[in-house]
């Protein structure tokens, strides 16, 4: 849905299914300083380089984690653990290598903390 409204904002053309008054409100919002500031901040947040490890990546595509959990449950015959779900969505399926350093370090830190309890 977000991409749909982004496309509408960029095109500037009102689709038939959006009334004129709603379209005017959307354009007023999109043209506001607050919207522009928030959009820029969100863009920076998505591209952030946390701890020098790069942006957060995963291998799940557009499939929600709830669906990955359901599929993994079918394969395992039980509910997957948080570690199993994280591994499933942060390792390449073809070679089981971590998608990035950030995912590997998060896994190691979580495992270390669990073992210390």
N, C-alpha and C. Protein backbone atom coordinates (compact mmCIF):
# COMPACT_ATOMS: atom_id res chain seq x y z
N UNK A 1 0.83 -1.18 0.00
CA UNK A 1 0.00 0.00 0.00
C UNK A 1 0.88 1.25 0.00
N UNK A 2 1.99 1.21 0.78
CA UNK A 2 2.87 2.38 0.84
C UNK A 2 3.41 2.72 -0.55
N UNK A 3 3.84 1.70 -1.30
CA UNK A 3 4.37 1.95 -2.64
C UNK A 3 3.31 2.54 -3.56
N UNK A 4 2.07 2.10 -3.38
CA UNK A 4 1.00 2.61 -4.21
C UNK A 4 0.84 4.12 -4.01
N UNK A 5 0.85 4.57 -2.75
CA UNK A 5 0.71 6.00 -2.48
C UNK A 5 1.95 6.78 -2.89
N UNK A 6 3.11 6.16 -2.79
CA UNK A 6 4.33 6.82 -3.28
C UNK A 6 4.22 7.05 -4.78
N UNK A 7 3.75 6.03 -5.49
CA UNK A 7 3.58 6.17 -6.94
C UNK A 7 2.57 7.27 -7.27
N UNK A 8 1.47 7.32 -6.51
CA UNK A 8 0.46 8.37 -6.73
C UNK A 8 1.05 9.75 -6.48
N UNK A 9 1.79 9.88 -5.38
CA UNK A 9 2.39 11.17 -5.04
C UNK A 9 3.33 11.63 -6.15
N UNK A 10 4.15 10.71 -6.64
CA UNK A 10 5.12 11.06 -7.68
C UNK A 10 4.46 11.38 -9.02
N UNK A 11 3.38 10.66 -9.33
CA UNK A 11 2.70 10.90 -10.62
C UNK A 11 1.93 12.21 -10.62
N UNK A 12 1.38 12.56 -9.47
CA UNK A 12 0.60 13.79 -9.39
C UNK A 12 -0.77 13.71 -10.03
N UNK A 13 -1.15 12.52 -10.50
CA UNK A 13 -2.45 12.34 -11.15
C UNK A 13 -3.42 11.64 -10.21
N UNK A 14 -4.59 12.23 -10.03
CA UNK A 14 -5.61 11.66 -9.15
C UNK A 14 -6.28 10.47 -9.83
N UNK A 15 -6.24 9.30 -9.18
CA UNK A 15 -6.97 8.15 -9.74
C UNK A 15 -8.48 8.33 -9.50
N UNK A 16 -9.26 7.66 -10.29
CA UNK A 16 -10.72 7.80 -10.19
C UNK A 16 -11.27 7.36 -8.84
N UNK A 17 -10.61 6.42 -8.19
CA UNK A 17 -11.13 5.88 -6.93
C UNK A 17 -10.85 6.77 -5.72
N UNK A 18 -10.12 7.85 -5.90
CA UNK A 18 -9.88 8.82 -4.82
C UNK A 18 -10.68 10.08 -5.13
N UNK A 19 -11.55 10.45 -4.19
CA UNK A 19 -12.36 11.65 -4.38
C UNK A 19 -11.51 12.91 -4.44
N UNK A 20 -12.07 13.96 -5.02
CA UNK A 20 -11.33 15.21 -5.19
C UNK A 20 -10.92 15.83 -3.86
N UNK A 21 -11.80 15.79 -2.86
CA UNK A 21 -11.47 16.40 -1.57
C UNK A 21 -10.36 15.62 -0.86
N UNK A 22 -10.41 14.30 -0.96
CA UNK A 22 -9.36 13.46 -0.36
C UNK A 22 -8.04 13.71 -1.08
N UNK A 23 -8.09 13.81 -2.40
CA UNK A 23 -6.88 14.07 -3.19
C UNK A 23 -6.25 15.41 -2.79
N UNK A 24 -7.10 16.40 -2.58
CA UNK A 24 -6.60 17.72 -2.17
C UNK A 24 -5.92 17.63 -0.80
N UNK A 25 -6.52 16.86 0.12
CA UNK A 25 -5.90 16.68 1.45
C UNK A 25 -4.57 15.95 1.34
N UNK A 26 -4.53 14.90 0.52
CA UNK A 26 -3.27 14.17 0.33
C UNK A 26 -2.18 15.09 -0.21
N UNK A 27 -2.52 15.87 -1.21
CA UNK A 27 -1.53 16.79 -1.79
C UNK A 27 -1.07 17.83 -0.79
N UNK A 28 -1.99 18.31 0.04
CA UNK A 28 -1.60 19.29 1.07
C UNK A 28 -0.64 18.65 2.06
N UNK A 29 -0.92 17.41 2.43
CA UNK A 29 -0.03 16.69 3.36
C UNK A 29 1.33 16.46 2.72
N UNK A 30 1.33 15.95 1.49
CA UNK A 30 2.58 15.65 0.80
C UNK A 30 3.41 16.90 0.56
N UNK A 31 2.78 18.04 0.45
CA UNK A 31 3.50 19.28 0.21
C UNK A 31 3.95 20.01 1.46
N UNK A 32 3.58 19.47 2.62
CA UNK A 32 3.91 20.16 3.88
C UNK A 32 5.37 19.99 4.27
N UNK A 33 5.87 20.93 5.02
CA UNK A 33 7.24 20.88 5.53
C UNK A 33 7.40 19.68 6.46
N UNK A 34 6.40 19.44 7.31
CA UNK A 34 6.46 18.33 8.26
C UNK A 34 6.58 16.99 7.52
N UNK A 35 5.80 16.80 6.47
CA UNK A 35 5.85 15.56 5.70
C UNK A 35 7.23 15.40 5.06
N UNK A 36 7.75 16.46 4.49
CA UNK A 36 9.06 16.42 3.86
C UNK A 36 10.15 16.08 4.87
N UNK A 37 10.07 16.69 6.05
CA UNK A 37 11.05 16.43 7.11
C UNK A 37 10.98 14.96 7.55
N UNK A 38 9.76 14.47 7.76
CA UNK A 38 9.58 13.08 8.20
C UNK A 38 10.04 12.10 7.12
N UNK A 39 9.72 12.39 5.85
CA UNK A 39 10.14 11.52 4.75
C UNK A 39 11.66 11.44 4.68
N UNK A 40 12.33 12.59 4.82
CA UNK A 40 13.79 12.61 4.78
C UNK A 40 14.39 11.86 5.96
N UNK A 41 13.81 12.03 7.14
CA UNK A 41 14.31 11.32 8.33
C UNK A 41 14.13 9.81 8.17
N UNK A 42 12.99 9.39 7.67
CA UNK A 42 12.76 7.96 7.46
C UNK A 42 13.71 7.39 6.42
N UNK A 43 14.01 8.15 5.38
CA UNK A 43 14.97 7.71 4.37
C UNK A 43 16.34 7.49 5.02
N UNK A 44 16.75 8.42 5.87
CA UNK A 44 18.04 8.28 6.57
C UNK A 44 18.01 7.07 7.50
N UNK A 45 16.91 6.87 8.20
CA UNK A 45 16.80 5.73 9.11
C UNK A 45 16.93 4.41 8.36
N UNK A 46 16.28 4.31 7.21
CA UNK A 46 16.34 3.06 6.44
C UNK A 46 17.74 2.79 5.92
N UNK A 47 18.51 3.83 5.67
CA UNK A 47 19.86 3.67 5.13
C UNK A 47 20.93 3.73 6.22
N UNK A 48 20.52 3.71 7.48
CA UNK A 48 21.49 3.90 8.56
C UNK A 48 22.50 2.76 8.62
N UNK A 49 23.66 3.10 9.08
CA UNK A 49 24.78 2.18 9.20
C UNK A 49 25.05 1.99 10.69
N UNK A 50 24.29 1.11 11.32
CA UNK A 50 24.36 0.92 12.76
C UNK A 50 25.66 0.22 13.15
N UNK A 51 26.48 0.88 13.94
CA UNK A 51 27.71 0.27 14.43
C UNK A 51 28.69 -0.09 13.34
N UNK A 52 28.60 0.54 12.19
CA UNK A 52 29.53 0.24 11.11
C UNK A 52 29.27 -1.08 10.42
N UNK A 53 28.10 -1.69 10.69
CA UNK A 53 27.82 -3.00 10.10
C UNK A 53 26.88 -2.93 8.90
N UNK A 54 26.52 -1.76 8.48
CA UNK A 54 25.65 -1.63 7.31
C UNK A 54 24.18 -1.66 7.67
N UNK A 55 23.36 -1.57 6.63
CA UNK A 55 21.92 -1.59 6.84
C UNK A 55 21.46 -2.99 7.19
N UNK A 56 20.30 -3.08 7.79
CA UNK A 56 19.74 -4.37 8.18
C UNK A 56 19.19 -5.09 6.96
N UNK A 57 19.69 -6.28 6.70
CA UNK A 57 19.26 -7.07 5.56
C UNK A 57 18.60 -8.36 6.04
N UNK A 58 17.77 -8.94 5.20
CA UNK A 58 17.22 -10.26 5.46
C UNK A 58 16.92 -10.92 4.12
N UNK A 59 16.69 -12.22 4.17
CA UNK A 59 16.47 -12.98 2.94
C UNK A 59 15.00 -13.31 2.74
N UNK A 60 14.12 -12.69 3.52
CA UNK A 60 12.71 -13.05 3.49
C UNK A 60 11.91 -12.43 2.37
N UNK A 61 12.47 -11.50 1.65
CA UNK A 61 11.71 -10.84 0.60
C UNK A 61 10.54 -10.08 1.18
N UNK A 62 9.42 -10.08 0.47
CA UNK A 62 8.24 -9.35 0.94
C UNK A 62 7.33 -10.22 1.79
N UNK A 63 7.74 -11.45 2.06
CA UNK A 63 6.93 -12.37 2.86
C UNK A 63 7.03 -11.98 4.33
N UNK A 64 5.91 -11.80 5.02
CA UNK A 64 5.95 -11.43 6.44
C UNK A 64 6.60 -12.52 7.29
N UNK A 65 7.18 -12.12 8.42
CA UNK A 65 7.80 -13.09 9.31
C UNK A 65 6.79 -14.10 9.83
N UNK A 66 5.53 -13.69 9.99
CA UNK A 66 4.51 -14.63 10.44
C UNK A 66 4.35 -15.77 9.44
N UNK A 67 4.46 -15.47 8.15
CA UNK A 67 4.37 -16.51 7.13
C UNK A 67 5.62 -17.38 7.13
N UNK A 68 6.80 -16.78 7.33
CA UNK A 68 8.02 -17.59 7.44
C UNK A 68 7.92 -18.53 8.63
N UNK A 69 7.38 -18.03 9.74
CA UNK A 69 7.21 -18.87 10.93
C UNK A 69 6.27 -20.03 10.63
N UNK A 70 5.15 -19.75 9.95
CA UNK A 70 4.18 -20.80 9.62
C UNK A 70 4.82 -21.86 8.72
N UNK A 71 5.56 -21.43 7.70
CA UNK A 71 6.21 -22.37 6.78
C UNK A 71 7.26 -23.20 7.50
N UNK A 72 8.03 -22.56 8.37
CA UNK A 72 9.06 -23.27 9.11
C UNK A 72 8.43 -24.28 10.07
N UNK A 73 7.29 -23.91 10.65
CA UNK A 73 6.56 -24.83 11.54
C UNK A 73 6.14 -26.08 10.78
N UNK A 74 5.69 -25.92 9.53
CA UNK A 74 5.32 -27.07 8.71
C UNK A 74 6.51 -27.99 8.48
N UNK A 75 7.65 -27.41 8.17
CA UNK A 75 8.86 -28.20 7.89
C UNK A 75 9.35 -28.91 9.15
N UNK A 76 9.38 -28.18 10.28
CA UNK A 76 9.92 -28.73 11.52
C UNK A 76 8.93 -29.61 12.28
N UNK A 77 7.65 -29.41 12.04
CA UNK A 77 6.63 -30.14 12.79
C UNK A 77 6.41 -29.58 14.18
N UNK A 78 6.89 -28.37 14.43
CA UNK A 78 6.76 -27.69 15.72
C UNK A 78 7.01 -26.21 15.50
N UNK A 79 6.70 -25.40 16.52
CA UNK A 79 6.98 -23.97 16.43
C UNK A 79 8.49 -23.74 16.36
N UNK A 80 8.96 -22.94 15.43
CA UNK A 80 10.40 -22.64 15.39
C UNK A 80 10.78 -21.72 16.55
N UNK A 81 12.00 -21.87 17.02
CA UNK A 81 12.50 -20.98 18.06
C UNK A 81 12.84 -19.63 17.42
N UNK A 82 12.98 -18.58 18.22
CA UNK A 82 13.40 -17.30 17.66
C UNK A 82 14.73 -17.39 16.91
N UNK A 83 15.65 -18.20 17.42
CA UNK A 83 16.96 -18.36 16.76
C UNK A 83 16.78 -19.03 15.40
N UNK A 84 15.93 -20.05 15.34
CA UNK A 84 15.69 -20.73 14.06
C UNK A 84 15.04 -19.79 13.05
N UNK A 85 14.09 -18.99 13.50
CA UNK A 85 13.44 -18.04 12.59
C UNK A 85 14.43 -16.99 12.10
N UNK A 86 15.27 -16.48 13.01
CA UNK A 86 16.28 -15.49 12.63
C UNK A 86 17.25 -16.10 11.61
N UNK A 87 17.71 -17.31 11.88
CA UNK A 87 18.63 -17.98 10.95
C UNK A 87 17.98 -18.18 9.59
N UNK A 88 16.72 -18.59 9.60
CA UNK A 88 15.99 -18.84 8.35
C UNK A 88 15.85 -17.58 7.51
N UNK A 89 15.68 -16.44 8.15
CA UNK A 89 15.45 -15.20 7.42
C UNK A 89 16.70 -14.35 7.24
N UNK A 90 17.85 -14.84 7.74
CA UNK A 90 19.08 -14.06 7.63
C UNK A 90 20.26 -14.87 7.08
N UNK A 91 19.98 -16.07 6.58
CA UNK A 91 21.01 -16.88 5.92
C UNK A 91 20.58 -17.13 4.49
N UNK A 92 21.57 -17.19 3.61
CA UNK A 92 21.29 -17.53 2.21
C UNK A 92 20.87 -19.00 2.16
N UNK A 93 19.80 -19.27 1.46
CA UNK A 93 19.29 -20.64 1.41
C UNK A 93 20.26 -21.59 0.69
N UNK A 94 20.96 -21.07 -0.33
CA UNK A 94 21.82 -21.94 -1.13
C UNK A 94 23.08 -22.40 -0.42
N UNK A 95 23.66 -21.57 0.46
CA UNK A 95 24.92 -21.97 1.11
C UNK A 95 24.90 -21.81 2.63
N UNK A 96 23.76 -21.40 3.19
CA UNK A 96 23.59 -21.23 4.63
C UNK A 96 24.59 -20.24 5.25
N UNK A 97 25.09 -19.31 4.46
CA UNK A 97 25.98 -18.27 4.97
C UNK A 97 25.13 -17.09 5.42
N UNK A 98 25.57 -16.40 6.48
CA UNK A 98 24.85 -15.23 6.95
C UNK A 98 24.80 -14.19 5.84
N UNK A 99 23.68 -13.49 5.74
CA UNK A 99 23.48 -12.50 4.69
C UNK A 99 24.43 -11.31 4.86
N UNK A 100 24.79 -11.01 6.11
CA UNK A 100 25.74 -9.93 6.37
C UNK A 100 26.33 -10.07 7.77
N UNK A 101 27.31 -9.25 8.05
CA UNK A 101 28.01 -9.28 9.33
C UNK A 101 27.07 -8.93 10.48
N UNK A 102 26.17 -8.04 10.24
CA UNK A 102 25.23 -7.61 11.29
C UNK A 102 24.37 -8.79 11.76
N UNK A 103 23.86 -9.58 10.83
CA UNK A 103 23.03 -10.74 11.18
C UNK A 103 23.85 -11.77 11.96
N UNK A 104 25.08 -12.01 11.52
CA UNK A 104 25.94 -12.98 12.21
C UNK A 104 26.23 -12.53 13.63
N UNK A 105 26.57 -11.25 13.79
CA UNK A 105 26.88 -10.73 15.13
C UNK A 105 25.65 -10.74 16.03
N UNK A 106 24.49 -10.42 15.49
CA UNK A 106 23.26 -10.46 16.29
C UNK A 106 23.00 -11.87 16.78
N UNK A 107 23.20 -12.86 15.91
CA UNK A 107 23.02 -14.26 16.29
C UNK A 107 24.02 -14.65 17.38
N UNK A 108 25.27 -14.30 17.21
CA UNK A 108 26.29 -14.63 18.20
C UNK A 108 26.00 -13.98 19.55
N UNK A 109 25.60 -12.71 19.53
CA UNK A 109 25.31 -12.00 20.77
C UNK A 109 24.10 -12.60 21.48
N UNK A 110 23.07 -12.94 20.73
CA UNK A 110 21.87 -13.55 21.31
C UNK A 110 22.23 -14.90 21.94
N UNK A 111 23.00 -15.70 21.21
CA UNK A 111 23.41 -17.01 21.72
C UNK A 111 24.25 -16.86 22.97
N UNK A 112 25.17 -15.91 22.98
CA UNK A 112 26.02 -15.68 24.15
C UNK A 112 25.18 -15.29 25.36
N UNK A 113 24.24 -14.40 25.16
CA UNK A 113 23.38 -13.96 26.27
C UNK A 113 22.51 -15.09 26.79
N UNK A 114 21.98 -15.92 25.90
CA UNK A 114 21.16 -17.07 26.32
C UNK A 114 21.97 -18.05 27.15
N UNK A 115 23.22 -18.28 26.73
CA UNK A 115 24.07 -19.24 27.45
C UNK A 115 24.49 -18.72 28.81
N UNK A 116 24.53 -17.40 28.98
CA UNK A 116 24.96 -16.83 30.26
C UNK A 116 23.83 -16.79 31.29
N UNK A 117 22.63 -17.14 30.90
CA UNK A 117 21.49 -17.11 31.84
C UNK A 117 21.39 -18.38 32.65
